[in-house]
Protein backbone atom coordinates (compact mmCIF):
# COMPACT_ATOMS: atom_id res chain seq x y z
CA MET A 1 -3.16 -0.91 -27.12
CA GLY A 2 -4.37 2.49 -26.09
CA SER A 3 -2.38 5.46 -24.98
CA THR A 4 -3.07 4.71 -21.32
CA HIS A 5 -0.95 1.59 -21.64
CA TRP A 6 2.04 3.64 -22.73
CA TYR A 7 1.53 6.08 -19.85
CA LEU A 8 1.62 3.15 -17.43
CA VAL A 9 4.71 1.69 -19.08
CA GLY A 10 6.44 5.07 -18.94
CA PHE A 11 5.57 5.62 -15.29
CA ALA A 12 6.66 2.08 -14.35
CA THR A 13 9.94 2.55 -16.21
CA LEU A 14 10.61 5.80 -14.35
CA ALA A 15 9.75 4.22 -11.00
CA VAL A 16 12.02 1.17 -11.32
CA THR A 17 14.81 3.27 -12.83
CA ALA A 18 14.63 5.67 -9.88
CA GLN A 19 14.66 2.79 -7.42
CA ALA A 20 17.64 1.19 -9.17
CA GLY A 21 19.41 4.57 -9.19
CA LEU A 22 18.87 4.96 -5.44
CA GLY A 23 20.21 1.47 -4.92
CA ILE A 24 23.32 2.15 -6.99
CA ALA A 25 23.90 5.44 -5.16
CA ALA A 26 23.64 3.67 -1.80
CA ILE A 27 26.03 0.90 -2.89
CA THR A 28 28.70 3.13 -4.41
CA VAL A 29 28.75 6.34 -2.36
CA TYR A 30 26.65 5.36 0.69
CA TRP A 31 23.99 7.96 -0.15
CA VAL A 32 20.36 7.38 0.79
CA PRO A 33 17.40 9.74 0.29
CA PRO A 34 16.95 12.33 3.06
CA TRP A 35 13.49 11.09 4.08
CA ILE A 36 14.87 7.68 5.16
CA ARG A 37 18.40 8.68 6.12
CA ARG A 38 17.70 8.52 9.87
CA ARG A 39 16.43 4.94 9.68
CA VAL A 40 19.06 3.40 7.38
CA VAL A 41 22.06 2.20 9.35
CA ARG A 42 23.64 0.03 6.62
CA PRO A 43 23.34 1.96 3.34
CA LYS A 44 25.20 -0.60 1.26
CA LEU A 45 22.87 -3.42 2.33
CA TRP A 46 19.87 -1.14 1.80
CA GLY A 47 21.18 -0.32 -1.69
CA TRP A 48 21.57 -3.98 -2.66
CA GLY A 49 17.99 -4.54 -1.54
CA ALA A 50 16.73 -1.59 -3.58
CA LEU A 51 18.60 -2.78 -6.65
CA ALA A 52 17.31 -6.34 -6.30
CA ALA A 53 13.76 -5.08 -5.77
CA ALA A 54 13.99 -2.88 -8.88
CA VAL A 55 15.23 -5.77 -11.02
CA GLY A 56 12.54 -8.07 -9.63
CA MET A 57 9.75 -5.57 -10.25
CA SER A 58 11.08 -4.98 -13.78
CA LEU A 59 10.98 -8.69 -14.50
CA PHE A 60 7.49 -8.95 -13.09
CA MET A 61 6.03 -5.96 -14.93
CA PHE A 62 7.71 -6.21 -18.30
CA LEU A 63 7.44 -9.98 -18.68
CA GLY A 64 4.00 -10.19 -17.07
CA PRO A 65 1.18 -7.63 -17.15
CA PHE A 66 2.74 -5.22 -19.65
CA ARG A 67 3.68 -7.98 -22.09
CA GLY A 68 0.34 -9.74 -22.28
CA PRO A 69 -0.96 -13.19 -21.46
CA ASP A 70 1.82 -15.69 -22.09
CA ILE A 71 1.92 -18.75 -19.84
CA ASP A 72 5.48 -19.56 -20.93
CA MET A 73 6.71 -16.46 -19.08
CA ALA A 74 4.97 -17.38 -15.80
CA PRO A 75 8.10 -18.79 -14.08
CA TYR A 76 10.08 -15.63 -14.89
CA VAL A 77 7.22 -13.39 -13.77
CA LEU A 78 6.85 -15.22 -10.46
CA GLY A 79 10.62 -15.27 -10.04
CA GLY A 80 10.62 -11.51 -10.55
CA MET A 81 8.00 -11.07 -7.85
CA ALA A 82 10.00 -13.31 -5.50
CA LEU A 83 13.14 -11.25 -6.22
CA PHE A 84 11.17 -8.07 -5.48
CA VAL A 85 10.01 -9.41 -2.11
CA ALA A 86 13.51 -10.64 -1.28
CA GLY A 87 14.89 -7.19 -2.14
CA GLN A 88 12.36 -5.56 0.16
CA VAL A 89 13.42 -7.89 2.98
CA VAL A 90 17.08 -7.00 2.40
CA GLN A 91 16.18 -3.30 2.43
CA MET A 92 14.36 -3.83 5.71
CA LEU A 93 17.45 -5.53 7.18
CA GLY A 94 19.49 -2.43 6.32
CA GLN A 95 17.22 -0.24 8.45
CA ARG A 96 17.15 0.41 12.16
CA PRO A 97 14.39 -1.46 13.98
CA GLY A 98 11.52 0.72 15.12
CA SER A 99 11.45 1.84 18.71
CA ARG A 100 8.61 0.91 21.02
CA ASP A 101 8.63 4.41 22.53
CA ALA A 102 7.16 5.91 19.38
CA VAL A 103 3.94 3.87 19.62
CA LEU A 104 3.10 4.29 23.31
CA PRO A 105 -0.43 5.56 23.83
CA ASP A 106 -1.05 9.01 25.23
CA THR A 107 -2.28 8.35 28.78
CA GLU A 108 -2.81 12.01 29.71
CA ALA A 109 -5.60 12.48 27.17
CA ARG A 110 -7.97 10.13 29.04
């Protein structure tokens, strides 16, 4: 395995660790990152979703593509991807629905 593989593993580890850290921060102290703070109305729910998504993506990456071809791990890999998607849905439920006013077309420009 070349050095690029280890760069990808390192970056993936940082990404899922950061996502899990954001989830834990939202669960314990109700803190969410400033760039999504306006949209998140239920930080604890959003945090559980972030934590579940981080665990799911970790299962997917480290038992799947980064481990190598092993058909015996396929159920765990697919379960990890399902957990990731479920976590994203839970995160979405913790956010405020988008407003229709923001997407109205500009009628004066015509």
